Amino acid sequence: MKNFNIKLLLIICYWIGSMNLGFSQKLWNEQNGYVIIEVEDVDSTLLRHNGWKLEVSPKGYSGKGYLKWMGTSLTGHDKEKVEYKDMPDDRKIIYQVKITKPGKYYWRLRNIHLKEDGDNDVFVSVNKVHFRKTYDWDQNAFTWDETGKWASAFFERGIINFEIAGRSHGFGLDRIVLFHQDLALPEDQWPSKGPYQWMDTCIWAKPLK
């Protein structure tokens, strides 16, 4: 009976902890300075209870599909940035990533949206720092986000939280890549709008085996 009670307590603690963390199905592992996240590879309860919906049309996505934000928009000039504590949990999905190579990391988001503006952005937070919008202008195509200055952060060895949160209704998210500065295009070679075509030549733009 005592062992049963201990096991029950552990299960309850795990369940509560998973809800508080924004449970995801797996721990993503950085290897050789980068990690590719297929965003749809999350626990199905997140898709049932949140505004994120798995989509398989149009084609052009990687993995098993992509996630589309079907909830309400949280946009406006006063919503360029949202404090972490103020972001509703039902907008968020948390991806946990194990970093083995410390250093400065960049991230880019492969996405799709129908219009040039209005459904073209999403929130991103790393390690519970404020959520800031990431955006893209290309219409009705799977492309990498075009947010002006590349977002980056210094990661120590260990597990980090990479979180997305719904911002504009209709935004579709296909893939996230985090990569070490050693793998980035040198800044003096960036085109005026950023090295977006370069992103499509990298290993993280290719289908996973």
Protein backbone atom coordinates (compact mmCIF):
# COMPACT_ATOMS: atom_id res chain seq x y z
CA MET A 1 0.00 0.00 0.00
CA LYS A 2 2.84 2.34 0.86
CA ASN A 3 4.52 1.70 -2.52
CA PHE A 4 1.22 2.29 -4.30
CA ASN A 5 0.78 5.66 -2.59
CA ILE A 6 4.32 6.71 -3.53
CA LYS A 7 3.74 5.76 -7.18
CA LEU A 8 0.43 7.63 -7.21
CA LEU A 9 2.09 10.72 -5.76
CA LEU A 10 4.82 10.60 -8.40
CA ILE A 11 2.25 10.32 -11.19
CA ILE A 12 0.31 13.30 -9.84
CA CYS A 13 3.51 15.38 -9.52
CA TYR A 14 4.53 14.49 -13.08
CA TRP A 15 1.07 15.40 -14.41
CA ILE A 16 1.05 18.77 -12.63
CA GLY A 17 4.62 19.48 -13.73
CA SER A 18 3.83 18.65 -17.33
CA MET A 19 0.90 21.05 -17.36
CA ASN A 20 2.98 23.84 -15.86
CA LEU A 21 5.81 23.33 -18.37
CA GLY A 22 3.61 23.13 -21.44
CA PHE A 23 4.22 19.45 -22.08
CA SER A 24 5.83 18.40 -25.35
CA GLN A 25 6.40 14.85 -26.58
CA LYS A 26 10.16 14.86 -26.73
CA LEU A 27 13.41 16.49 -25.78
CA TRP A 28 15.04 17.97 -28.85
CA ASN A 29 18.81 17.53 -28.99
CA GLU A 30 21.24 20.00 -30.50
CA GLN A 31 23.94 18.16 -32.42
CA ASN A 32 26.87 19.67 -34.31
CA GLY A 33 25.68 23.16 -33.44
CA TYR A 34 22.08 23.05 -34.63
CA VAL A 35 18.70 21.53 -33.95
CA ILE A 36 15.67 21.18 -36.22
CA ILE A 37 12.25 21.21 -34.58
CA GLU A 38 9.24 19.84 -36.46
CA VAL A 39 6.62 21.88 -34.64
CA GLU A 40 3.76 19.40 -35.07
CA ASP A 41 5.65 16.74 -33.11
CA VAL A 42 4.01 17.63 -29.80
CA ASP A 43 1.58 15.99 -27.42
CA SER A 44 -1.85 15.80 -29.03
CA THR A 45 -3.58 17.34 -26.00
CA LEU A 46 -1.95 20.64 -26.92
CA LEU A 47 -3.72 20.55 -30.27
CA ARG A 48 -7.07 19.60 -28.74
CA HIS A 49 -7.14 22.23 -26.02
CA ASN A 50 -5.22 25.09 -27.62
CA GLY A 51 -5.88 27.15 -30.72
CA TRP A 52 -3.12 25.35 -32.65
CA LYS A 53 -4.47 22.99 -35.33
CA LEU A 54 -2.57 20.41 -37.38
CA GLU A 55 -2.87 21.14 -41.11
CA VAL A 56 -1.76 19.10 -44.13
CA SER A 57 -2.80 21.48 -46.90
CA PRO A 58 -1.33 23.07 -48.90
CA LYS A 59 1.60 20.80 -49.58
CA GLY A 60 5.16 22.00 -49.20
CA TYR A 61 5.48 21.48 -45.46
CA SER A 62 8.12 19.25 -43.89
CA GLY A 63 7.37 16.40 -41.51
CA LYS A 64 3.76 15.33 -40.95
CA GLY A 65 2.17 18.75 -41.43
CA TYR A 66 2.26 22.18 -39.88
CA LEU A 67 0.49 23.97 -37.04
CA LYS A 68 -1.91 26.82 -37.73
CA TRP A 69 -3.05 29.31 -35.10
CA MET A 70 -6.87 29.25 -35.13
CA GLY A 71 -7.37 31.29 -31.95
CA THR A 72 -8.01 35.00 -31.68
CA SER A 73 -5.41 37.57 -32.68
CA LEU A 74 -3.33 39.42 -30.10
CA THR A 75 -1.99 42.20 -32.28
CA GLY A 76 -1.48 45.95 -32.28
CA HIS A 77 1.39 48.37 -31.67
CA ASP A 78 1.10 47.78 -27.94
CA LYS A 79 1.49 44.02 -28.51
CA GLU A 80 4.86 43.96 -30.28
CA LYS A 81 6.19 42.53 -27.03
CA VAL A 82 4.29 40.79 -24.23
CA GLU A 83 5.75 40.11 -20.80
CA TYR A 84 6.15 36.41 -20.12
CA LYS A 85 3.76 36.37 -17.17
CA ASP A 86 1.08 38.12 -19.22
CA MET A 87 0.96 35.59 -22.07
CA PRO A 88 -2.05 33.24 -21.73
CA ASP A 89 -0.98 29.61 -21.39
CA ASP A 90 -3.50 28.42 -23.97
CA ARG A 91 -1.62 30.30 -26.69
CA LYS A 92 1.74 28.66 -25.94
CA ILE A 93 3.61 25.53 -26.92
CA ILE A 94 6.96 24.83 -25.26
CA TYR A 95 9.79 22.97 -26.98
CA GLN A 96 12.59 21.79 -24.72
CA VAL A 97 16.03 21.63 -26.33
CA LYS A 98 19.20 20.09 -24.91
CA ILE A 99 22.25 22.20 -25.77
CA THR A 100 25.66 20.48 -25.81
CA LYS A 101 27.66 23.19 -27.59
CA PRO A 102 27.46 26.46 -25.64
CA GLY A 103 27.57 29.80 -27.41
CA LYS A 104 25.48 32.32 -29.33
CA TYR A 105 22.53 30.80 -31.17
CA TYR A 106 20.22 32.22 -33.81
CA TRP A 107 16.77 30.92 -34.73
CA ARG A 108 14.52 31.10 -37.76
CA LEU A 109 10.95 29.94 -38.35
CA ARG A 110 9.64 28.30 -41.53
CA ASN A 111 6.05 29.45 -41.95
CA ILE A 112 3.08 30.01 -44.23
CA HIS A 113 0.24 32.56 -44.29
CA LEU A 114 -2.29 33.65 -46.90
CA LYS A 115 -1.90 37.43 -46.79
CA GLU A 116 1.08 39.76 -46.82
CA ASP A 117 -0.07 41.28 -43.54
CA GLY A 118 -2.69 40.48 -40.93
CA ASP A 119 -1.96 36.79 -40.50
CA ASN A 120 1.81 36.93 -40.80
CA ASP A 121 3.29 36.82 -37.30
CA VAL A 122 3.76 34.79 -34.14
CA PHE A 123 5.29 35.31 -30.69
CA VAL A 124 8.57 33.73 -29.58
CA SER A 125 10.12 33.49 -26.11
CA VAL A 126 13.36 31.82 -25.04
CA ASN A 127 13.93 30.74 -21.43
CA LYS A 128 10.94 32.69 -20.12
CA VAL A 129 12.09 36.07 -21.39
CA HIS A 130 9.30 38.28 -22.79
CA PHE A 131 7.45 37.17 -25.92
CA ARG A 132 8.37 39.20 -29.01
CA LYS A 133 6.73 39.00 -32.42
CA THR A 134 8.41 37.34 -35.38
CA TYR A 135 6.99 38.09 -38.82
CA ASP A 136 7.10 37.25 -42.52
CA TRP A 137 5.82 39.01 -45.66
CA ASP A 138 5.70 36.23 -48.27
CA GLN A 139 2.16 35.27 -49.22
CA ASN A 140 0.83 31.71 -49.47
CA ALA A 141 4.22 29.98 -49.52
CA PHE A 142 6.43 28.11 -47.10
CA THR A 143 9.35 30.47 -46.40
CA TRP A 144 11.64 31.50 -43.55
CA ASP A 145 10.56 34.43 -41.40
CA GLU A 146 11.83 37.86 -42.45
CA THR A 147 12.07 39.55 -39.08
CA GLY A 148 14.65 42.33 -39.52
CA LYS A 149 17.42 41.70 -37.01
CA TRP A 150 18.18 38.06 -36.37
CA ALA A 151 17.06 37.08 -32.90
CA SER A 152 19.77 35.42 -30.83
CA ALA A 153 20.72 34.38 -27.31
CA PHE A 154 23.68 32.82 -25.52
CA PHE A 155 22.99 29.26 -24.42
CA GLU A 156 24.94 27.36 -21.79
CA ARG A 157 25.05 23.56 -21.81
CA GLY A 158 21.77 22.17 -20.58
CA ILE A 159 18.07 22.34 -21.39
CA ILE A 160 16.46 25.50 -22.73
CA ASN A 161 12.80 26.32 -23.33
CA PHE A 162 11.86 27.64 -26.77
CA GLU A 163 8.24 28.81 -26.75
CA ILE A 164 5.86 29.95 -29.42
CA ALA A 165 2.53 31.68 -28.81
CA GLY A 166 -0.28 32.52 -31.20
CA ARG A 167 -0.35 36.17 -32.30
CA SER A 168 -2.29 36.53 -35.54
CA HIS A 169 -5.14 34.24 -36.58
CA GLY A 170 -4.21 32.10 -39.57
CA PHE A 171 -0.43 32.00 -39.11
CA GLY A 172 1.04 28.60 -39.97
CA LEU A 173 4.29 27.31 -38.47
CA ASP A 174 6.13 24.41 -40.09
CA ARG A 175 9.66 24.17 -38.69
CA ILE A 176 12.01 25.92 -36.26
CA VAL A 177 15.78 25.83 -36.49
CA LEU A 178 18.25 26.98 -33.84
CA PHE A 179 21.89 27.17 -34.95
CA HIS A 180 25.21 28.17 -33.44
CA GLN A 181 26.93 31.33 -34.67
CA ASP A 182 29.70 29.15 -36.12
CA LEU A 183 27.16 27.94 -38.70
CA ALA A 184 25.70 31.35 -39.52
CA LEU A 185 26.45 33.34 -42.65
CA PRO A 186 28.96 36.09 -41.72
CA GLU A 187 27.12 39.34 -41.07
CA ASP A 188 29.11 41.24 -43.70
CA GLN A 189 27.67 38.87 -46.32
CA TRP A 190 24.02 39.38 -45.40
CA PRO A 191 21.81 40.92 -48.11
CA SER A 192 19.89 44.04 -47.09
CA LYS A 193 16.82 42.04 -46.08
CA GLY A 194 18.72 39.17 -44.51
CA PRO A 195 20.08 35.87 -45.88
CA TYR A 196 16.76 34.15 -46.53
CA GLN A 197 17.81 32.40 -49.72
CA TRP A 198 20.90 31.17 -47.88
CA MET A 199 18.61 29.49 -45.35
CA ASP A 200 17.20 27.25 -48.10
CA THR A 201 20.68 25.97 -48.98
CA CYS A 202 21.39 24.77 -45.43
CA ILE A 203 20.97 21.28 -44.06
CA TRP A 204 18.03 22.35 -41.90
CA ALA A 205 16.02 23.30 -45.00
CA LYS A 206 16.14 19.74 -46.30
CA PRO A 207 13.70 16.97 -45.31
CA LEU A 208 14.68 14.96 -42.27
CA LYS A 209 15.57 11.32 -42.89
